[in-house]
C-alpha atoms as a PDB file:
ATOM      1  CA  MET A   1     -14.589   2.506   8.332  1.00  0.00           C
ATOM      2  CA  GLY A   2     -16.246   2.452   4.553  1.00  0.00           C
ATOM      3  CA  THR A   3     -14.428   1.768   1.457  1.00  0.00           C
ATOM      4  CA  ILE A   4     -10.975   1.773   0.434  1.00  0.00           C
ATOM      5  CA  ALA A   5      -9.819   3.055  -2.786  1.00  0.00           C
ATOM      6  CA  VAL A   6      -6.629   1.630  -3.894  1.00  0.00           C
ATOM      7  CA  LEU A   7      -4.807   4.230  -6.088  1.00  0.00           C
ATOM      8  CA  GLY A   8      -2.553   2.931  -8.542  1.00  0.00           C
ATOM      9  CA  GLY A   9      -4.526  -0.248  -8.280  1.00  0.00           C
ATOM     10  CA  THR A  10      -3.286  -2.026 -11.102  1.00  0.00           C
ATOM     11  CA  GLY A  11       0.458  -2.613 -10.883  1.00  0.00           C
ATOM     12  CA  PRO A  12       1.233  -5.978  -8.961  1.00  0.00           C
ATOM     13  CA  GLU A  13       1.040  -4.322  -5.110  1.00  0.00           C
ATOM     14  CA  GLY A  14      -1.919  -2.811  -5.644  1.00  0.00           C
ATOM     15  CA  VAL A  15      -3.994  -5.630  -7.366  1.00  0.00           C
ATOM     16  CA  GLY A  16      -2.360  -8.290  -4.617  1.00  0.00           C
ATOM     17  CA  LEU A  17      -3.611  -5.141  -1.891  1.00  0.00           C
ATOM     18  CA  ALA A  18      -7.023  -4.839  -3.360  1.00  0.00           C
ATOM     19  CA  LEU A  19      -7.618  -9.138  -3.243  1.00  0.00           C
ATOM     20  CA  ARG A  20      -6.724  -9.413   0.035  1.00  0.00           C
ATOM     21  CA  PHE A  21      -8.916  -6.165   1.582  1.00  0.00           C
ATOM     22  CA  ALA A  22     -12.034  -7.513  -0.402  1.00  0.00           C
ATOM     23  CA  GLN A  23     -11.053 -11.023   0.907  1.00  0.00           C
ATOM     24  CA  ALA A  24     -11.092  -9.507   4.454  1.00  0.00           C
ATOM     25  CA  GLY A  25     -14.592  -8.128   3.144  1.00  0.00           C
ATOM     26  CA  GLU A  26     -13.826  -4.441   2.329  1.00  0.00           C
ATOM     27  CA  ALA A  27     -15.474  -2.567  -0.129  1.00  0.00           C
ATOM     28  CA  VAL A  28     -12.700  -1.748  -2.331  1.00  0.00           C
ATOM     29  CA  VAL A  29     -12.482   0.894  -5.235  1.00  0.00           C
ATOM     30  CA  ILE A  30      -9.469  -0.031  -7.575  1.00  0.00           C
ATOM     31  CA  GLY A  31      -8.130   3.620  -8.966  1.00  0.00           C
ATOM     32  CA  SER A  32      -5.966   3.777 -12.007  1.00  0.00           C
ATOM     33  CA  ARG A  33      -4.551   6.872 -14.672  1.00  0.00           C
ATOM     34  CA  ASP A  34      -6.895   4.854 -16.884  1.00  0.00           C
ATOM     35  CA  GLU A  35     -10.272   3.864 -15.762  1.00  0.00           C
ATOM     36  CA  ALA A  36     -10.622   0.837 -18.393  1.00  0.00           C
ATOM     37  CA  ARG A  37      -7.783  -0.968 -16.899  1.00  0.00           C
ATOM     38  CA  ALA A  38      -8.770   0.255 -13.461  1.00  0.00           C
ATOM     39  CA  ALA A  39     -12.356  -1.642 -14.647  1.00  0.00           C
ATOM     40  CA  ALA A  40     -10.488  -4.821 -15.723  1.00  0.00           C
ATOM     41  CA  ALA A  41      -8.756  -5.432 -12.484  1.00  0.00           C
ATOM     42  CA  ALA A  42     -11.777  -4.899 -10.826  1.00  0.00           C
ATOM     43  CA  ALA A  43     -13.369  -7.870 -12.635  1.00  0.00           C
ATOM     44  CA  ARG A  44     -10.096  -9.748 -12.226  1.00  0.00           C
ATOM     45  CA  VAL A  45     -10.602  -9.200  -8.187  1.00  0.00           C
ATOM     46  CA  CYS A  46     -14.403 -10.267  -9.113  1.00  0.00           C
ATOM     47  CA  ALA A  47     -13.430 -13.272 -10.820  1.00  0.00           C
ATOM     48  CA  ALA A  48     -11.558 -14.702  -7.859  1.00  0.00           C
ATOM     49  CA  LEU A  49     -13.443 -13.568  -5.351  1.00  0.00           C
ATOM     50  CA  PRO A  50     -17.550 -13.614  -6.749  1.00  0.00           C
ATOM     51  CA  GLN A  51     -18.744 -11.730  -3.955  1.00  0.00           C
ATOM     52  CA  ALA A  52     -16.391  -9.118  -3.647  1.00  0.00           C
ATOM     53  CA  GLN A  53     -17.637  -5.274  -3.442  1.00  0.00           C
ATOM     54  CA  VAL A  54     -15.049  -3.851  -5.852  1.00  0.00           C
ATOM     55  CA  SER A  55     -15.279  -1.560  -8.661  1.00  0.00           C
ATOM     56  CA  GLY A  56     -12.842   0.604 -10.854  1.00  0.00           C
ATOM     57  CA  ARG A  57     -12.465   4.009 -11.528  1.00  0.00           C
ATOM     58  CA  GLU A  58      -9.846   6.914 -12.331  1.00  0.00           C
ATOM     59  CA  ASN A  59      -7.663   8.032  -9.767  1.00  0.00           C
ATOM     60  CA  ALA A  60      -9.536  10.851  -8.530  1.00  0.00           C
ATOM     61  CA  ALA A  61     -12.924   9.705  -8.677  1.00  0.00           C
ATOM     62  CA  ALA A  62     -11.667   6.448  -6.918  1.00  0.00           C
ATOM     63  CA  ALA A  63     -10.228   8.659  -4.039  1.00  0.00           C
ATOM     64  CA  ALA A  64     -13.383  10.685  -4.163  1.00  0.00           C
ATOM     65  CA  ALA A  65     -15.582   7.512  -3.596  1.00  0.00           C
ATOM     66  CA  ALA A  66     -13.550   6.139  -0.409  1.00  0.00           C
ATOM     67  CA  GLU A  67     -12.987   6.896   3.132  1.00  0.00           C
ATOM     68  CA  ARG A  68      -9.579   5.480   3.465  1.00  0.00           C
ATOM     69  CA  VAL A  69      -6.931   6.148   0.557  1.00  0.00           C
ATOM     70  CA  VAL A  70      -4.266   3.419  -0.336  1.00  0.00           C
ATOM     71  CA  LEU A  71      -1.190   4.739  -2.306  1.00  0.00           C
ATOM     72  CA  ALA A  72       0.083   2.224  -4.278  1.00  0.00           C
ATOM     73  CA  LEU A  73       0.903   4.531  -7.435  1.00  0.00           C
ATOM     74  CA  PRO A  74       4.290   4.109  -9.342  1.00  0.00           C
ATOM     75  CA  HIS A  75       6.535   6.390  -7.017  1.00  0.00           C
ATOM     76  CA  ALA A  76       7.815   8.512 -10.089  1.00  0.00           C
ATOM     77  CA  GLY A  77       4.282   9.738 -10.472  1.00  0.00           C
ATOM     78  CA  ALA A  78       3.126  10.014  -7.010  1.00  0.00           C
ATOM     79  CA  GLU A  79       3.990  13.381  -6.414  1.00  0.00           C
ATOM     80  CA  PRO A  80       2.824  15.524  -9.239  1.00  0.00           C
ATOM     81  CA  PHE A  81      -0.827  13.406  -8.304  1.00  0.00           C
ATOM     82  CA  LEU A  82      -0.243  14.050  -5.000  1.00  0.00           C
ATOM     83  CA  VAL A  83       0.487  18.105  -5.990  1.00  0.00           C
ATOM     84  CA  GLN A  84      -2.634  18.177  -8.257  1.00  0.00           C
ATOM     85  CA  HIS A  85      -5.121  16.520  -5.866  1.00  0.00           C
ATOM     86  CA  ALA A  86      -4.082  17.578  -2.318  1.00  0.00           C
ATOM     87  CA  GLY A  87      -7.468  19.288  -1.602  1.00  0.00           C
ATOM     88  CA  ALA A  88      -9.194  15.592  -2.898  1.00  0.00           C
ATOM     89  CA  LEU A  89      -7.278  14.069  -0.129  1.00  0.00           C
ATOM     90  CA  ALA A  90      -7.608  16.357   2.766  1.00  0.00           C
ATOM     91  CA  GLY A  91      -9.164  14.826   5.618  1.00  0.00           C
ATOM     92  CA  LYS A  92      -8.689  11.094   4.651  1.00  0.00           C
ATOM     93  CA  ILE A  93      -6.646   8.560   6.295  1.00  0.00           C
ATOM     94  CA  VAL A  94      -4.583   7.774   3.222  1.00  0.00           C
ATOM     95  CA  ILE A  95      -1.977   4.906   4.030  1.00  0.00           C
ATOM     96  CA  ASP A  96       1.103   5.171   1.382  1.00  0.00           C
ATOM     97  CA  VAL A  97       2.477   1.975   0.935  1.00  0.00           C
ATOM     98  CA  MET A  98       4.837   2.828  -2.007  1.00  0.00           C
ATOM     99  CA  VAL A  99       8.889   2.064  -2.220  1.00  0.00           C
ATOM    100  CA  PRO A 100      10.633   3.866  -4.366  1.00  0.00           C
ATOM    101  CA  LEU A 101      13.256   2.064  -5.576  1.00  0.00           C
ATOM    102  CA  ARG A 102      14.720   0.796  -8.791  1.00  0.00           C
ATOM    103  CA  PHE A 103      16.629  -2.043 -10.425  1.00  0.00           C
ATOM    104  CA  ALA A 104      20.589  -1.325 -11.706  1.00  0.00           C
ATOM    105  CA  GLY A 105      23.613  -3.398 -12.148  1.00  0.00           C
ATOM    106  CA  GLY A 106      21.766  -6.413 -11.386  1.00  0.00           C
ATOM    107  CA  VAL A 107      20.395  -5.126  -8.101  1.00  0.00           C
ATOM    108  CA  PHE A 108      17.450  -3.149  -6.384  1.00  0.00           C
ATOM    109  CA  GLU A 109      18.348  -0.030  -4.461  1.00  0.00           C
ATOM    110  CA  SER A 110      16.623   2.505  -3.478  1.00  0.00           C
ATOM    111  CA  VAL A 111      15.925   5.933  -5.292  1.00  0.00           C
ATOM    112  CA  PRO A 112      16.894   9.358  -3.337  1.00  0.00           C
ATOM    113  CA  LEU A 113      14.288  11.888  -2.535  1.00  0.00           C
ATOM    114  CA  ALA A 114      13.937  15.189  -1.679  1.00  0.00           C
ATOM    115  CA  ASP A 115      12.281  14.104   1.769  1.00  0.00           C
ATOM    116  CA  PRO A 116      13.586  10.834   3.680  1.00  0.00           C
ATOM    117  CA  SER A 117      11.117   8.776   3.012  1.00  0.00           C
ATOM    118  CA  ILE A 118       8.173   8.560   0.216  1.00  0.00           C
ATOM    119  CA  ALA A 119       5.623   8.547   2.849  1.00  0.00           C
ATOM    120  CA  GLU A 120       6.664  11.606   4.500  1.00  0.00           C
ATOM    121  CA  MET A 121       6.704  13.393   1.246  1.00  0.00           C
ATOM    122  CA  VAL A 122       3.142  12.265   1.300  1.00  0.00           C
ATOM    123  CA  ALA A 123       2.755  14.185   4.814  1.00  0.00           C
ATOM    124  CA  ARG A 124       4.640  16.939   3.168  1.00  0.00           C
ATOM    125  CA  LEU A 125       2.343  17.592  -0.060  1.00  0.00           C
ATOM    126  CA  VAL A 126      -0.651  16.882   1.561  1.00  0.00           C
ATOM    127  CA  PRO A 127      -0.760  18.076   4.995  1.00  0.00           C
ATOM    128  CA  ALA A 128      -4.322  18.085   5.393  1.00  0.00           C
ATOM    129  CA  ALA A 129      -4.574  14.071   4.961  1.00  0.00           C
ATOM    130  CA  ARG A 130      -4.132  12.283   7.739  1.00  0.00           C
ATOM    131  CA  VAL A 131      -0.927   9.881   6.830  1.00  0.00           C
ATOM    132  CA  ALA A 132       0.002   6.607   8.097  1.00  0.00           C
ATOM    133  CA  ALA A 133       2.738   4.118   5.876  1.00  0.00           C
ATOM    134  CA  GLY A 134       2.102   0.153   6.276  1.00  0.00           C
ATOM    135  CA  PHE A 135       1.911  -2.699   3.776  1.00  0.00           C
ATOM    136  CA  LYS A 136       5.701  -1.921   2.332  1.00  0.00           C
ATOM    137  CA  ASN A 137       7.080  -5.088   3.371  1.00  0.00           C
ATOM    138  CA  LEU A 138       4.772  -7.441   1.510  1.00  0.00           C
ATOM    139  CA  SER A 139       5.390  -9.452  -1.651  1.00  0.00           C
ATOM    140  CA  ALA A 140       2.941  -8.309  -4.166  1.00  0.00           C
ATOM    141  CA  GLU A 141       3.733 -11.890  -5.586  1.00  0.00           C
ATOM    142  CA  HIS A 142       2.329 -13.800  -2.459  1.00  0.00           C
ATOM    143  CA  LEU A 143      -0.543 -10.936  -2.229  1.00  0.00           C
ATOM    144  CA  GLN A 144      -2.208 -11.903  -5.311  1.00  0.00           C
ATOM    145  CA  ARG A 145      -1.999 -15.559  -4.900  1.00  0.00           C
ATOM    146  CA  LEU A 146      -4.949 -16.183  -2.808  1.00  0.00           C
ATOM    147  CA  ASP A 147      -3.846 -19.747  -2.188  1.00  0.00           C
ATOM    148  CA  HIS A 148      -1.071 -18.871  -0.691  1.00  0.00           C
ATOM    149  CA  ASP A 149      -1.175 -18.213   3.646  1.00  0.00           C
ATOM    150  CA  LEU A 150       0.004 -14.643   4.203  1.00  0.00           C
ATOM    151  CA  GLU A 151       2.577 -14.593   6.991  1.00  0.00           C
ATOM    152  CA  GLY A 152       4.358 -12.154   8.603  1.00  0.00           C
ATOM    153  CA  ASP A 153       4.286  -8.444  10.250  1.00  0.00           C
ATOM    154  CA  VAL A 154       3.049  -5.498   8.938  1.00  0.00           C
ATOM    155  CA  LEU A 155       4.972  -2.399  10.334  1.00  0.00           C
ATOM    156  CA  VAL A 156       3.010   0.575  10.718  1.00  0.00           C
ATOM    157  CA  CYS A 157       4.181   3.956  11.260  1.00  0.00           C
ATOM    158  CA  GLY A 158       2.643   7.763  11.554  1.00  0.00           C
ATOM    159  CA  ASP A 159       2.365  10.804  13.523  1.00  0.00           C
ATOM    160  CA  ASP A 160      -1.642  10.694  13.204  1.00  0.00           C
ATOM    161  CA  ARG A 161      -2.888   8.445  15.940  1.00  0.00           C
ATOM    162  CA  ASP A 162      -6.470   7.847  13.999  1.00  0.00           C
ATOM    163  CA  ALA A 163      -4.492   6.976  10.826  1.00  0.00           C
ATOM    164  CA  LYS A 164      -2.228   4.523  12.566  1.00  0.00           C
ATOM    165  CA  GLU A 165      -5.299   2.958  14.267  1.00  0.00           C
ATOM    166  CA  ALA A 166      -7.029   2.407  11.355  1.00  0.00           C
ATOM    167  CA  THR A 167      -4.203   1.015   9.400  1.00  0.00           C
ATOM    168  CA  LEU A 168      -2.895  -1.395  12.215  1.00  0.00           C
ATOM    169  CA  ALA A 169      -6.817  -2.211  12.337  1.00  0.00           C
ATOM    170  CA  LEU A 170      -6.817  -3.162   8.322  1.00  0.00           C
ATOM    171  CA  ALA A 171      -3.352  -5.069   8.593  1.00  0.00           C
ATOM    172  CA  ALA A 172      -5.142  -7.310  11.606  1.00  0.00           C
ATOM    173  CA  ARG A 173      -7.949  -8.028   9.533  1.00  0.00           C
ATOM    174  CA  LEU A 174      -5.676  -9.939   6.709  1.00  0.00           C
ATOM    175  CA  PRO A 175      -4.886 -13.520   8.174  1.00  0.00           C
ATOM    176  CA  GLY A 176      -1.789 -14.631   8.889  1.00  0.00           C
ATOM    177  CA  VAL A 177      -0.481 -11.059   9.456  1.00  0.00           C
ATOM    178  CA  ARG A 178       0.119  -9.615  12.421  1.00  0.00           C
ATOM    179  CA  ALA A 179       0.534  -5.670  12.637  1.00  0.00           C
ATOM    180  CA  VAL A 180       3.057  -4.058  14.693  1.00  0.00           C
ATOM    181  CA  ASP A 181       2.860  -0.591  15.736  1.00  0.00           C
ATOM    182  CA  ALA A 182       6.765   1.225  13.877  1.00  0.00           C
ATOM    183  CA  GLY A 183       6.289   4.346  15.453  1.00  0.00           C
ATOM    184  CA  PRO A 184       6.321   7.711  13.864  1.00  0.00           C
ATOM    185  CA  LEU A 185       6.153   8.709  10.457  1.00  0.00           C
ATOM    186  CA  SER A 186       9.819   8.880  10.152  1.00  0.00           C
ATOM    187  CA  SER A 187      10.345   5.344  10.611  1.00  0.00           C
ATOM    188  CA  ALA A 188       8.864   4.653   7.268  1.00  0.00           C
ATOM    189  CA  ALA A 189      12.572   5.273   5.204  1.00  0.00           C
ATOM    190  CA  ALA A 190      13.801   2.385   7.161  1.00  0.00           C
ATOM    191  CA  LEU A 191      10.640   0.214   5.935  1.00  0.00           C
ATOM    192  CA  GLU A 192      11.086   1.372   2.283  1.00  0.00           C
ATOM    193  CA  ARG A 193      15.073   0.222   2.694  1.00  0.00           C
ATOM    194  CA  LEU A 194      13.660  -3.295   4.421  1.00  0.00           C
ATOM    195  CA  THR A 195      11.774  -3.887   1.262  1.00  0.00           C
ATOM    196  CA  VAL A 196      14.658  -2.809  -1.189  1.00  0.00           C
ATOM    197  CA  LEU A 197      17.037  -5.439   0.837  1.00  0.00           C
ATOM    198  CA  LEU A 198      14.208  -8.326   0.866  1.00  0.00           C
ATOM    199  CA  LEU A 199      14.143  -7.792  -2.610  1.00  0.00           C
ATOM    200  CA  ASN A 200      17.463  -8.453  -3.282  1.00  0.00           C
ATOM    201  CA  VAL A 201      17.586 -11.465  -0.320  1.00  0.00           C
ATOM    202  CA  ASN A 202      14.650 -12.932  -2.975  1.00  0.00           C
ATOM    203  CA  ARG A 203      16.872 -12.574  -6.309  1.00  0.00           C
ATOM    204  CA  ARG A 204      19.935 -13.831  -4.289  1.00  0.00           C
ATOM    205  CA  TYR A 205      18.085 -16.820  -2.936  1.00  0.00           C
ATOM    206  CA  ARG A 206      15.024 -17.050  -5.832  1.00  0.00           C
ATOM    207  CA  ALA A 207      12.338 -16.932  -2.953  1.00  0.00           C
ATOM    208  CA  VAL A 208      10.200 -14.964  -1.308  1.00  0.00           C
ATOM    209  CA  THR A 209      10.490 -13.423   2.183  1.00  0.00           C
ATOM    210  CA  SER A 210       8.710 -11.399   4.575  1.00  0.00           C
ATOM    211  CA  ILE A 211       9.583  -9.687   7.807  1.00  0.00           C
ATOM    212  CA  GLN A 212       8.435 -11.038  11.321  1.00  0.00           C
ATOM    213  CA  LEU A 213       9.780  -9.383  14.820  1.00  0.00           C
ATOM    214  CA  VAL A 214      10.700 -12.159  17.610  1.00  0.00           C
ATOM    215  CA  GLY A 215      10.380 -11.067  21.063  1.00  0.00           C
ATOM    216  CA  LEU A 216       6.946  -9.820  21.147  1.00  0.00           C
ATOM    217  CA  PRO A 217       4.456 -10.041  23.392  1.00  0.00           C
END
């Protein structure tokens, strides 16, 4: 389906997803507010995967160069970026992987939003985009360790059928991962809170956990 842009791709989750998408044979453009940082992240991916088709650009340029756009921006910067660049994202498949959270008082907690979820905020601010949410519960640590097999389910939700199917297909390309249709975009709030829960479990048990649903065919 063409190139994938990972906006905010210099953070742990963004770099991890760029690595795994490139490993699966996808052409990837890593986006950042700082083009030099994007280029450095792309060089890191290419060093790990010499055959990878990966480049780095400023966020808006990365989005313009891709058919599918993964939003891995810091949640606090997502709204102004989307307001400014809504036109550039119109008509594109936009995959939200962001989780609005903070660490306070020794625990992770959700950050309150005006919308029920950050995915629904994306859909509201960029109504012409084809929005799905997914990859929210994968560990950034495991994503970056190419010597570590991924495991678990990637829960994908969305109201746009094509966006959801494209996101499910992308998840299914990652070895060890099962792609699961988690229903409408309103399910994204549960996925985001689930990440907060996993992080607190990880901190308590000094572990790296993921999610796998039982009982599915």
